[in-house]
């Protein structure tokens, strides 16, 4: 056997035979699948696709915080209330598309990334 699995080598980059960028990408078709050519399985060669040829969807998240300090008995003692909102607009950010060229779902976005809107409140007593 081959317990360390060092006996096989598979190429990781396909050949780039066209422009993969679409003018109006959708989550079902983020890039042009026909722009890539699979290499022959078992042949130890790399394809000619260069790095960063594909771009994923934009990620945008707006965080927001408000805090207020109230003085108490003297100038060194106060109470602080804080409200924080992460992803305040509750925007859905799409994850990267499937990039496995030999998969039937290549170019399809099937997941979200990042968290939904999250709020937290805090009270702090300073003395």
Foldseek 3Di string as FASTA:
>chain_A
DCVVPPPADWEDAFAFQDQFCDPDADLQARTDLVRTDHDDGRDPDYYPDDPPSDDFDDDDKDKDKDKDWDDDDDPQKIKMKMKIKISVVQDWAWDGFACPSPDPRGRHTDDTDDDGIDMDMDMDIGD
